[in-house]
C-alpha cells in the first residue's frame, strides 16, 4: 500500500515520484496544473 500513499500529495509538495520522472520534468507540469486550476 505504500505506492498508493506515495501517489497522494498536496498541491505544494514536490518530491520523488513512483513513475521515475525527474523533478525537472514533473515540477513544471505540476505548476502548470496549479495555474490552470
PDB file of N, CA and C in Angstrom:
ATOM      1  N   UNK A   1       0.808  -1.213   0.000  1.00  0.00           N
ATOM      2  CA  UNK A   1       0.000   0.000   0.000  1.00  0.00           C
ATOM      3  C   UNK A   1       0.845   1.269   0.000  1.00  0.00           C
ATOM      4  N   UNK A   2       2.134   1.145   0.127  1.00  0.00           N
ATOM      5  CA  UNK A   2       2.966   2.339   0.175  1.00  0.00           C
ATOM      6  C   UNK A   2       2.937   3.100  -1.136  1.00  0.00           C
ATOM      7  N   UNK A   3       2.765   2.393  -2.259  1.00  0.00           N
ATOM      8  CA  UNK A   3       2.728   3.097  -3.544  1.00  0.00           C
ATOM      9  C   UNK A   3       1.484   3.958  -3.656  1.00  0.00           C
ATOM     10  N   UNK A   4       0.353   3.475  -3.161  1.00  0.00           N
ATOM     11  CA  UNK A   4      -0.879   4.258  -3.223  1.00  0.00           C
ATOM     12  C   UNK A   4      -0.761   5.507  -2.354  1.00  0.00           C
ATOM     13  N   UNK A   5      -0.133   5.371  -1.207  1.00  0.00           N
ATOM     14  CA  UNK A   5       0.015   6.519  -0.320  1.00  0.00           C
ATOM     15  C   UNK A   5       0.985   7.532  -0.892  1.00  0.00           C
ATOM     16  N   UNK A   6       2.017   7.065  -1.591  1.00  0.00           N
ATOM     17  CA  UNK A   6       3.003   7.998  -2.134  1.00  0.00           C
ATOM     18  C   UNK A   6       2.454   8.765  -3.328  1.00  0.00           C
ATOM     19  N   UNK A   7       1.390   8.270  -3.949  1.00  0.00           N
ATOM     20  CA  UNK A   7       0.784   8.982  -5.074  1.00  0.00           C
ATOM     21  C   UNK A   7      -0.005  10.200  -4.611  1.00  0.00           C
ATOM     22  N   UNK A   8      -0.461  10.186  -3.380  1.00  0.00           N
ATOM     23  CA  UNK A   8      -1.285  11.278  -2.872  1.00  0.00           C
ATOM     24  C   UNK A   8      -0.399  12.319  -2.216  1.00  0.00           C
ATOM     25  N   UNK A   9      -0.318  13.494  -2.826  1.00  0.00           N
ATOM     26  CA  UNK A   9       0.494  14.583  -2.294  1.00  0.00           C
ATOM     27  C   UNK A   9      -0.319  15.871  -2.367  1.00  0.00           C
ATOM     28  N   UNK A  10       0.052  16.810  -1.526  1.00  0.00           N
ATOM     29  CA  UNK A  10      -0.571  18.120  -1.575  1.00  0.00           C
ATOM     30  C   UNK A  10      -0.120  18.875  -2.810  1.00  0.00           C
ATOM     31  N   UNK A  11      -0.842  19.925  -3.186  1.00  0.00           N
ATOM     32  CA  UNK A  11      -0.504  20.686  -4.384  1.00  0.00           C
ATOM     33  C   UNK A  11       0.870  21.336  -4.287  1.00  0.00           C
ATOM     34  N   UNK A  12       1.272  21.727  -3.100  1.00  0.00           N
ATOM     35  CA  UNK A  12       2.554  22.403  -2.938  1.00  0.00           C
ATOM     36  C   UNK A  12       3.739  21.469  -2.753  1.00  0.00           C
ATOM     37  N   UNK A  13       3.468  20.176  -2.618  1.00  0.00           N
ATOM     38  CA  UNK A  13       4.546  19.230  -2.335  1.00  0.00           C
ATOM     39  C   UNK A  13       5.134  18.690  -3.627  1.00  0.00           C
ATOM     40  N   UNK A  14       6.447  18.744  -3.726  1.00  0.00           N
ATOM     41  CA  UNK A  14       7.145  18.168  -4.872  1.00  0.00           C
ATOM     42  C   UNK A  14       8.199  17.228  -4.329  1.00  0.00           C
ATOM     43  N   UNK A  15       8.138  15.980  -4.761  1.00  0.00           N
ATOM     44  CA  UNK A  15       9.107  15.008  -4.270  1.00  0.00           C
ATOM     45  C   UNK A  15       9.299  13.907  -5.288  1.00  0.00           C
ATOM     46  N   UNK A  16      10.083  12.921  -4.927  1.00  0.00           N
ATOM     47  CA  UNK A  16      10.320  11.787  -5.817  1.00  0.00           C
ATOM     48  C   UNK A  16       8.998  11.069  -6.076  1.00  0.00           C
ATOM     49  N   UNK A  17       8.782  10.668  -7.306  1.00  0.00           N
ATOM     50  CA  UNK A  17       7.528  10.007  -7.643  1.00  0.00           C
ATOM     51  C   UNK A  17       7.777   8.565  -8.068  1.00  0.00           C
ATOM     52  N   UNK A  18       6.719   7.778  -8.086  1.00  0.00           N
ATOM     53  CA  UNK A  18       6.843   6.361  -8.412  1.00  0.00           C
ATOM     54  C   UNK A  18       6.988   6.131  -9.911  1.00  0.00           C
ATOM     55  N   UNK A  19       6.685   7.135 -10.723  1.00  0.00           N
ATOM     56  CA  UNK A  19       6.814   6.996 -12.173  1.00  0.00           C
ATOM     57  C   UNK A  19       8.284   7.018 -12.573  1.00  0.00           C
ATOM     58  N   UNK A  20       9.099   7.701 -11.806  1.00  0.00           N
ATOM     59  CA  UNK A  20      10.526   7.747 -12.082  1.00  0.00           C
ATOM     60  C   UNK A  20      10.953   8.930 -12.925  1.00  0.00           C
ATOM     61  N   UNK A  21      10.071   9.897 -13.117  1.00  0.00           N
ATOM     62  CA  UNK A  21      10.441  11.092 -13.870  1.00  0.00           C
ATOM     63  C   UNK A  21      11.268  12.018 -12.989  1.00  0.00           C
ATOM     64  N   UNK A  22      12.155  12.737 -13.614  1.00  0.00           N
ATOM     65  CA  UNK A  22      12.991  13.685 -12.877  1.00  0.00           C
ATOM     66  C   UNK A  22      12.144  14.872 -12.428  1.00  0.00           C
ATOM     67  N   UNK A  23      12.536  15.511 -11.348  1.00  0.00           N
ATOM     68  CA  UNK A  23      11.781  16.665 -10.848  1.00  0.00           C
ATOM     69  C   UNK A  23      11.765  17.813 -11.844  1.00  0.00           C
ATOM     70  N   UNK A  24      12.765  17.903 -12.707  1.00  0.00           N
ATOM     71  CA  UNK A  24      12.776  18.963 -13.719  1.00  0.00           C
ATOM     72  C   UNK A  24      11.659  18.759 -14.732  1.00  0.00           C
ATOM     73  N   UNK A  25      11.157  17.535 -14.834  1.00  0.00           N
ATOM     74  CA  UNK A  25      10.033  17.242 -15.728  1.00  0.00           C
ATOM     75  C   UNK A  25       8.713  17.420 -14.996  1.00  0.00           C
ATOM     76  N   UNK A  26       8.631  16.889 -13.787  1.00  0.00           N
ATOM     77  CA  UNK A  26       7.350  16.889 -13.074  1.00  0.00           C
ATOM     78  C   UNK A  26       6.990  18.237 -12.461  1.00  0.00           C
ATOM     79  N   UNK A  27       7.981  18.998 -12.050  1.00  0.00           N
ATOM     80  CA  UNK A  27       7.687  20.279 -11.384  1.00  0.00           C
ATOM     81  C   UNK A  27       6.989  21.274 -12.306  1.00  0.00           C
ATOM     82  N   UNK A  28       7.463  21.503 -13.551  1.00  0.00           N
ATOM     83  CA  UNK A  28       6.739  22.432 -14.436  1.00  0.00           C
ATOM     84  C   UNK A  28       5.325  21.952 -14.764  1.00  0.00           C
ATOM     85  N   UNK A  29       5.140  20.649 -14.883  1.00  0.00           N
ATOM     86  CA  UNK A  29       3.807  20.109 -15.166  1.00  0.00           C
ATOM     87  C   UNK A  29       2.878  20.381 -13.993  1.00  0.00           C
ATOM     88  N   UNK A  30       3.344  20.139 -12.785  1.00  0.00           N
ATOM     89  CA  UNK A  30       2.530  20.396 -11.590  1.00  0.00           C
ATOM     90  C   UNK A  30       2.200  21.878 -11.453  1.00  0.00           C
ATOM     91  N   UNK A  31       3.182  22.724 -11.713  1.00  0.00           N
ATOM     92  CA  UNK A  31       2.943  24.166 -11.623  1.00  0.00           C
ATOM     93  C   UNK A  31       1.932  24.613 -12.677  1.00  0.00           C
ATOM     94  N   UNK A  32       2.011  24.052 -13.865  1.00  0.00           N
ATOM     95  CA  UNK A  32       1.056  24.381 -14.924  1.00  0.00           C
ATOM     96  C   UNK A  32      -0.354  23.965 -14.551  1.00  0.00           C
ATOM     97  N   UNK A  33      -0.484  22.797 -13.937  1.00  0.00           N
ATOM     98  CA  UNK A  33      -1.799  22.337 -13.496  1.00  0.00           C
ATOM     99  C   UNK A  33      -2.339  23.218 -12.378  1.00  0.00           C
ATOM    100  N   UNK A  34      -1.482  23.649 -11.482  1.00  0.00           N
ATOM    101  CA  UNK A  34      -1.922  24.539 -10.397  1.00  0.00           C
ATOM    102  C   UNK A  34      -2.440  25.860 -10.954  1.00  0.00           C
ATOM    103  N   UNK A  35      -1.775  26.383 -11.968  1.00  0.00           N
ATOM    104  CA  UNK A  35      -2.211  27.639 -12.584  1.00  0.00           C
ATOM    105  C   UNK A  35      -3.534  27.437 -13.321  1.00  0.00           C
ATOM    106  N   UNK A  36      -3.668  26.298 -14.014  1.00  0.00           N
ATOM    107  CA  UNK A  36      -4.882  26.012 -14.778  1.00  0.00           C
ATOM    108  C   UNK A  36      -6.086  25.840 -13.853  1.00  0.00           C
ATOM    109  N   UNK A  37      -5.848  25.269 -12.691  1.00  0.00           N
ATOM    110  CA  UNK A  37      -6.954  25.059 -11.752  1.00  0.00           C
ATOM    111  C   UNK A  37      -7.269  26.344 -11.014  1.00  0.00           C
TER     112      UNK A  37
END
